[in-house]
Amino acid sequence: MKKRARKPKHEREAWLKKKQMEKEQKSIYEKEIAAQLTETYFTLRDEIPIDPQWGFKKSSEGKNLF
């Protein structure tokens, strides 16, 4: 069973480091728009994902939209 209380200080520091590492390893298009503003056009063009990941969205009636 998972504890729902605040993490101890040493666990929180490790968790924050892990989150920072994950944030740094994201590609340009996975980051926020503000991070993309400083990139050049050519860098953005080269990093465009070629195979977009599609998902399905269901309406309240249970039908797939796309």
PDB file of N, CA and C in Angstrom:
ATOM      1  N   MET A   1       0.839  -1.167   0.000  1.00  0.00           N
ATOM      2  CA  MET A   1       0.000   0.000   0.000  1.00  0.00           C
ATOM      3  C   MET A   1       0.895   1.245   0.000  1.00  0.00           C
ATOM      4  N   LYS A   2       0.539   2.217  -0.824  1.00  0.00           N
ATOM      5  CA  LYS A   2       1.351   3.420  -0.975  1.00  0.00           C
ATOM      6  C   LYS A   2       0.978   4.445   0.087  1.00  0.00           C
ATOM      7  N   LYS A   3       2.019   5.021   0.691  1.00  0.00           N
ATOM      8  CA  LYS A   3       1.781   6.073   1.676  1.00  0.00           C
ATOM      9  C   LYS A   3       1.318   7.338   0.965  1.00  0.00           C
ATOM     10  N   ARG A   4       0.411   8.053   1.600  1.00  0.00           N
ATOM     11  CA  ARG A   4      -0.118   9.266   0.999  1.00  0.00           C
ATOM     12  C   ARG A   4       0.427  10.526   1.665  1.00  0.00           C
ATOM     13  N   ALA A   5       1.366  10.379   2.529  1.00  0.00           N
ATOM     14  CA  ALA A   5       1.912  11.526   3.248  1.00  0.00           C
ATOM     15  C   ALA A   5       3.047  12.163   2.446  1.00  0.00           C
ATOM     16  N   ARG A   6       3.582  13.241   2.952  1.00  0.00           N
ATOM     17  CA  ARG A   6       4.704  13.916   2.322  1.00  0.00           C
ATOM     18  C   ARG A   6       5.931  13.009   2.341  1.00  0.00           C
ATOM     19  N   LYS A   7       6.727  13.074   1.264  1.00  0.00           N
ATOM     20  CA  LYS A   7       7.940  12.261   1.184  1.00  0.00           C
ATOM     21  C   LYS A   7       8.980  12.788   2.178  1.00  0.00           C
ATOM     22  N   PRO A   8       9.793  11.885   2.729  1.00  0.00           N
ATOM     23  CA  PRO A   8      10.911  12.360   3.557  1.00  0.00           C
ATOM     24  C   PRO A   8      11.870  13.198   2.710  1.00  0.00           C
ATOM     25  N   LYS A   9      12.651  14.026   3.350  1.00  0.00           N
ATOM     26  CA  LYS A   9      13.495  14.983   2.650  1.00  0.00           C
ATOM     27  C   LYS A   9      14.470  14.305   1.678  1.00  0.00           C
ATOM     28  N   HIS A  10      15.105  13.208   2.090  1.00  0.00           N
ATOM     29  CA  HIS A  10      16.072  12.562   1.202  1.00  0.00           C
ATOM     30  C   HIS A  10      15.372  11.916   0.003  1.00  0.00           C
ATOM     31  N   GLU A  11      14.161  11.408   0.184  1.00  0.00           N
ATOM     32  CA  GLU A  11      13.419  10.843  -0.945  1.00  0.00           C
ATOM     33  C   GLU A  11      12.959  11.945  -1.889  1.00  0.00           C
ATOM     34  N   ARG A  12      12.565  13.067  -1.337  1.00  0.00           N
ATOM     35  CA  ARG A  12      12.103  14.184  -2.162  1.00  0.00           C
ATOM     36  C   ARG A  12      13.229  14.719  -3.029  1.00  0.00           C
ATOM     37  N   GLU A  13      14.423  14.835  -2.468  1.00  0.00           N
ATOM     38  CA  GLU A  13      15.570  15.324  -3.244  1.00  0.00           C
ATOM     39  C   GLU A  13      15.894  14.379  -4.393  1.00  0.00           C
ATOM     40  N   ALA A  14      15.842  13.077  -4.132  1.00  0.00           N
ATOM     41  CA  ALA A  14      16.089  12.093  -5.184  1.00  0.00           C
ATOM     42  C   ALA A  14      15.002  12.180  -6.259  1.00  0.00           C
ATOM     43  N   TRP A  15      13.765  12.368  -5.831  1.00  0.00           N
ATOM     44  CA  TRP A  15      12.646  12.466  -6.763  1.00  0.00           C
ATOM     45  C   TRP A  15      12.786  13.717  -7.628  1.00  0.00           C
ATOM     46  N   LEU A  16      13.196  14.837  -7.031  1.00  0.00           N
ATOM     47  CA  LEU A  16      13.377  16.068  -7.791  1.00  0.00           C
ATOM     48  C   LEU A  16      14.501  15.933  -8.814  1.00  0.00           C
ATOM     49  N   LYS A  17      15.596  15.260  -8.431  1.00  0.00           N
ATOM     50  CA  LYS A  17      16.693  15.034  -9.374  1.00  0.00           C
ATOM     51  C   LYS A  17      16.233  14.173 -10.548  1.00  0.00           C
ATOM     52  N   LYS A  18      15.436  13.155 -10.253  1.00  0.00           N
ATOM     53  CA  LYS A  18      14.919  12.269 -11.295  1.00  0.00           C
ATOM     54  C   LYS A  18      14.024  13.041 -12.257  1.00  0.00           C
ATOM     55  N   LYS A  19      13.150  13.900 -11.728  1.00  0.00           N
ATOM     56  CA  LYS A  19      12.257  14.695 -12.564  1.00  0.00           C
ATOM     57  C   LYS A  19      13.059  15.667 -13.439  1.00  0.00           C
ATOM     58  N   GLN A  20      14.120  16.256 -12.879  1.00  0.00           N
ATOM     59  CA  GLN A  20      14.963  17.183 -13.638  1.00  0.00           C
ATOM     60  C   GLN A  20      15.669  16.458 -14.778  1.00  0.00           C
ATOM     61  N   MET A  21      16.174  15.250 -14.510  1.00  0.00           N
ATOM     62  CA  MET A  21      16.833  14.462 -15.555  1.00  0.00           C
ATOM     63  C   MET A  21      15.856  14.137 -16.681  1.00  0.00           C
ATOM     64  N   GLU A  22      14.630  13.754 -16.321  1.00  0.00           N
ATOM     65  CA  GLU A  22      13.617  13.453 -17.336  1.00  0.00           C
ATOM     66  C   GLU A  22      13.293  14.687 -18.162  1.00  0.00           C
ATOM     67  N   LYS A  23      13.223  15.835 -17.521  1.00  0.00           N
ATOM     68  CA  LYS A  23      12.904  17.078 -18.205  1.00  0.00           C
ATOM     69  C   LYS A  23      14.007  17.462 -19.188  1.00  0.00           C
ATOM     70  N   GLU A  24      15.257  17.238 -18.814  1.00  0.00           N
ATOM     71  CA  GLU A  24      16.388  17.579 -19.674  1.00  0.00           C
ATOM     72  C   GLU A  24      16.487  16.652 -20.878  1.00  0.00           C
ATOM     73  N   GLN A  25      16.021  15.425 -20.762  1.00  0.00           N
ATOM     74  CA  GLN A  25      16.166  14.455 -21.842  1.00  0.00           C
ATOM     75  C   GLN A  25      15.016  14.488 -22.845  1.00  0.00           C
ATOM     76  N   LYS A  26      14.024  15.313 -22.611  1.00  0.00           N
ATOM     77  CA  LYS A  26      12.918  15.419 -23.561  1.00  0.00           C
ATOM     78  C   LYS A  26      13.406  16.075 -24.843  1.00  0.00           C
ATOM     79  N   SER A  27      12.781  15.696 -25.957  1.00  0.00           N
ATOM     80  CA  SER A  27      13.118  16.351 -27.214  1.00  0.00           C
ATOM     81  C   SER A  27      12.503  17.746 -27.237  1.00  0.00           C
ATOM     82  N   ILE A  28      12.871  18.529 -28.212  1.00  0.00           N
ATOM     83  CA  ILE A  28      12.410  19.915 -28.283  1.00  0.00           C
ATOM     84  C   ILE A  28      10.889  19.982 -28.347  1.00  0.00           C
ATOM     85  N   TYR A  29      10.274  19.085 -29.100  1.00  0.00           N
ATOM     86  CA  TYR A  29       8.829  19.145 -29.284  1.00  0.00           C
ATOM     87  C   TYR A  29       8.057  18.581 -28.100  1.00  0.00           C
ATOM     88  N   GLU A  30       8.709  17.894 -27.184  1.00  0.00           N
ATOM     89  CA  GLU A  30       8.051  17.414 -25.966  1.00  0.00           C
ATOM     90  C   GLU A  30       8.104  18.454 -24.858  1.00  0.00           C
ATOM     91  N   LYS A  31       8.949  19.475 -25.036  1.00  0.00           N
ATOM     92  CA  LYS A  31       9.070  20.525 -24.035  1.00  0.00           C
ATOM     93  C   LYS A  31       7.967  21.554 -24.227  1.00  0.00           C
ATOM     94  N   GLU A  32       7.905  22.507 -23.305  1.00  0.00           N
ATOM     95  CA  GLU A  32       6.910  23.569 -23.399  1.00  0.00           C
ATOM     96  C   GLU A  32       7.239  24.507 -24.559  1.00  0.00           C
ATOM     97  N   ILE A  33       6.237  25.241 -25.007  1.00  0.00           N
ATOM     98  CA  ILE A  33       6.417  26.174 -26.119  1.00  0.00           C
ATOM     99  C   ILE A  33       7.467  27.233 -25.785  1.00  0.00           C
ATOM    100  N   ALA A  34       7.518  27.668 -24.546  1.00  0.00           N
ATOM    101  CA  ALA A  34       8.483  28.694 -24.149  1.00  0.00           C
ATOM    102  C   ALA A  34       9.920  28.224 -24.379  1.00  0.00           C
ATOM    103  N   ALA A  35      10.182  26.942 -24.229  1.00  0.00           N
ATOM    104  CA  ALA A  35      11.524  26.414 -24.466  1.00  0.00           C
ATOM    105  C   ALA A  35      11.848  26.369 -25.956  1.00  0.00           C
ATOM    106  N   GLN A  36      10.830  26.291 -26.801  1.00  0.00           N
ATOM    107  CA  GLN A  36      11.045  26.230 -28.245  1.00  0.00           C
ATOM    108  C   GLN A  36      11.335  27.599 -28.839  1.00  0.00           C
ATOM    109  N   LEU A  37      10.963  28.655 -28.149  1.00  0.00           N
ATOM    110  CA  LEU A  37      11.133  29.998 -28.697  1.00  0.00           C
ATOM    111  C   LEU A  37      12.589  30.385 -28.886  1.00  0.00           C
ATOM    112  N   THR A  38      13.476  29.833 -28.091  1.00  0.00           N
ATOM    113  CA  THR A  38      14.891  30.190 -28.199  1.00  0.00           C
ATOM    114  C   THR A  38      15.619  29.378 -29.272  1.00  0.00           C
ATOM    115  N   GLU A  39      14.987  28.339 -29.792  1.00  0.00           N
ATOM    116  CA  GLU A  39      15.626  27.491 -30.801  1.00  0.00           C
ATOM    117  C   GLU A  39      15.530  28.135 -32.183  1.00  0.00           C
ATOM    118  N   THR A  40      16.508  27.835 -33.034  1.00  0.00           N
ATOM    119  CA  THR A  40      16.487  28.370 -34.395  1.00  0.00           C
ATOM    120  C   THR A  40      15.501  27.586 -35.247  1.00  0.00           C
ATOM    121  N   TYR A  41      15.126  28.180 -36.358  1.00  0.00           N
ATOM    122  CA  TYR A  41      14.202  27.529 -37.289  1.00  0.00           C
ATOM    123  C   TYR A  41      14.769  26.212 -37.798  1.00  0.00           C
ATOM    124  N   PHE A  42      16.054  26.206 -38.115  1.00  0.00           N
ATOM    125  CA  PHE A  42      16.673  25.012 -38.689  1.00  0.00           C
ATOM    126  C   PHE A  42      16.729  23.869 -37.675  1.00  0.00           C
ATOM    127  N   THR A  43      16.969  24.189 -36.417  1.00  0.00           N
ATOM    128  CA  THR A  43      16.971  23.163 -35.372  1.00  0.00           C
ATOM    129  C   THR A  43      15.579  22.568 -35.220  1.00  0.00           C
ATOM    130  N   LEU A  44      14.580  23.430 -35.184  1.00  0.00           N
ATOM    131  CA  LEU A  44      13.197  22.948 -35.063  1.00  0.00           C
ATOM    132  C   LEU A  44      12.804  22.102 -36.266  1.00  0.00           C
ATOM    133  N   ARG A  45      13.216  22.535 -37.451  1.00  0.00           N
ATOM    134  CA  ARG A  45      12.883  21.790 -38.667  1.00  0.00           C
ATOM    135  C   ARG A  45      13.513  20.396 -38.656  1.00  0.00           C
ATOM    136  N   ASP A  46      14.753  20.317 -38.179  1.00  0.00           N
ATOM    137  CA  ASP A  46      15.446  19.029 -38.156  1.00  0.00           C
ATOM    138  C   ASP A  46      14.886  18.082 -37.095  1.00  0.00           C
ATOM    139  N   GLU A  47      14.309  18.627 -36.032  1.00  0.00           N
ATOM    140  CA  GLU A  47      13.822  17.813 -34.922  1.00  0.00           C
ATOM    141  C   GLU A  47      12.337  17.445 -35.021  1.00  0.00           C
ATOM    142  N   ILE A  48      11.673  17.840 -36.109  1.00  0.00           N
ATOM    143  CA  ILE A  48      10.243  17.537 -36.248  1.00  0.00           C
ATOM    144  C   ILE A  48      10.060  16.025 -36.233  1.00  0.00           C
ATOM    145  N   PRO A  49       9.124  15.518 -35.410  1.00  0.00           N
ATOM    146  CA  PRO A  49       8.883  14.080 -35.404  1.00  0.00           C
ATOM    147  C   PRO A  49       8.275  13.622 -36.728  1.00  0.00           C
ATOM    148  N   ILE A  50       8.845  12.577 -37.295  1.00  0.00           N
ATOM    149  CA  ILE A  50       8.386  12.084 -38.594  1.00  0.00           C
ATOM    150  C   ILE A  50       7.153  11.199 -38.432  1.00  0.00           C
ATOM    151  N   ASP A  51       7.129  10.405 -37.391  1.00  0.00           N
ATOM    152  CA  ASP A  51       5.992   9.509 -37.175  1.00  0.00           C
ATOM    153  C   ASP A  51       5.197   9.963 -35.954  1.00  0.00           C
ATOM    154  N   PRO A  52       4.179  10.809 -36.171  1.00  0.00           N
ATOM    155  CA  PRO A  52       3.408  11.287 -35.029  1.00  0.00           C
ATOM    156  C   PRO A  52       2.675  10.143 -34.349  1.00  0.00           C
ATOM    157  N   GLN A  53       2.465  10.287 -33.061  1.00  0.00           N
ATOM    158  CA  GLN A  53       1.756   9.257 -32.309  1.00  0.00           C
ATOM    159  C   GLN A  53       0.283   9.621 -32.267  1.00  0.00           C
ATOM    160  N   TRP A  54      -0.526   8.762 -32.837  1.00  0.00           N
ATOM    161  CA  TRP A  54      -1.957   9.005 -32.891  1.00  0.00           C
ATOM    162  C   TRP A  54      -2.635   8.248 -31.771  1.00  0.00           C
ATOM    163  N   GLY A  55      -3.699   8.796 -31.317  1.00  0.00           N
ATOM    164  CA  GLY A  55      -4.492   8.141 -30.298  1.00  0.00           C
ATOM    165  C   GLY A  55      -5.955   8.208 -30.683  1.00  0.00           C
ATOM    166  N   PHE A  56      -6.774   7.527 -29.942  1.00  0.00           N
ATOM    167  CA  PHE A  56      -8.197   7.544 -30.190  1.00  0.00           C
ATOM    168  C   PHE A  56      -8.899   8.251 -29.054  1.00  0.00           C
ATOM    169  N   LYS A  57      -9.869   9.030 -29.421  1.00  0.00           N
ATOM    170  CA  LYS A  57     -10.667   9.739 -28.449  1.00  0.00           C
ATOM    171  C   LYS A  57     -12.082   9.202 -28.554  1.00  0.00           C
ATOM    172  N   LYS A  58     -12.689   8.913 -27.428  1.00  0.00           N
ATOM    173  CA  LYS A  58     -14.045   8.386 -27.465  1.00  0.00           C
ATOM    174  C   LYS A  58     -15.027   9.438 -26.983  1.00  0.00           C
ATOM    175  N   SER A  59     -16.155   9.479 -27.653  1.00  0.00           N
ATOM    176  CA  SER A  59     -17.205  10.392 -27.224  1.00  0.00           C
ATOM    177  C   SER A  59     -17.954   9.773 -26.050  1.00  0.00           C
ATOM    178  N   SER A  60     -18.893  10.520 -25.518  1.00  0.00           N
ATOM    179  CA  SER A  60     -19.667  10.014 -24.387  1.00  0.00           C
ATOM    180  C   SER A  60     -20.538   8.829 -24.787  1.00  0.00           C
ATOM    181  N   GLU A  61     -20.752   8.671 -26.082  1.00  0.00           N
ATOM    182  CA  GLU A  61     -21.549   7.543 -26.579  1.00  0.00           C
ATOM    183  C   GLU A  61     -20.694   6.308 -26.827  1.00  0.00           C
ATOM    184  N   GLY A  62     -19.390   6.423 -26.656  1.00  0.00           N
ATOM    185  CA  GLY A  62     -18.491   5.287 -26.831  1.00  0.00           C
ATOM    186  C   GLY A  62     -17.988   5.128 -28.250  1.00  0.00           C
ATOM    187  N   LYS A  63     -18.199   6.117 -29.103  1.00  0.00           N
ATOM    188  CA  LYS A  63     -17.757   6.044 -30.502  1.00  0.00           C
ATOM    189  C   LYS A  63     -16.378   6.673 -30.633  1.00  0.00           C
ATOM    190  N   ASN A  64     -15.535   6.087 -31.470  1.00  0.00           N
ATOM    191  CA  ASN A  64     -14.198   6.634 -31.707  1.00  0.00           C
ATOM    192  C   ASN A  64     -14.310   7.850 -32.614  1.00  0.00           C
ATOM    193  N   LEU A  65     -13.688   8.935 -32.225  1.00  0.00           N
ATOM    194  CA  LEU A  65     -13.721  10.144 -33.038  1.00  0.00           C
ATOM    195  C   LEU A  65     -12.614  10.127 -34.080  1.00  0.00           C
ATOM    196  N   PHE A  66     -11.387   9.818 -33.691  1.00  0.00           N
ATOM    197  CA  PHE A  66     -10.265   9.672 -34.602  1.00  0.00           C
ATOM    198  C   PHE A  66      -9.122   9.039 -33.897  1.00  0.00           C
TER     199      PHE A  66
END
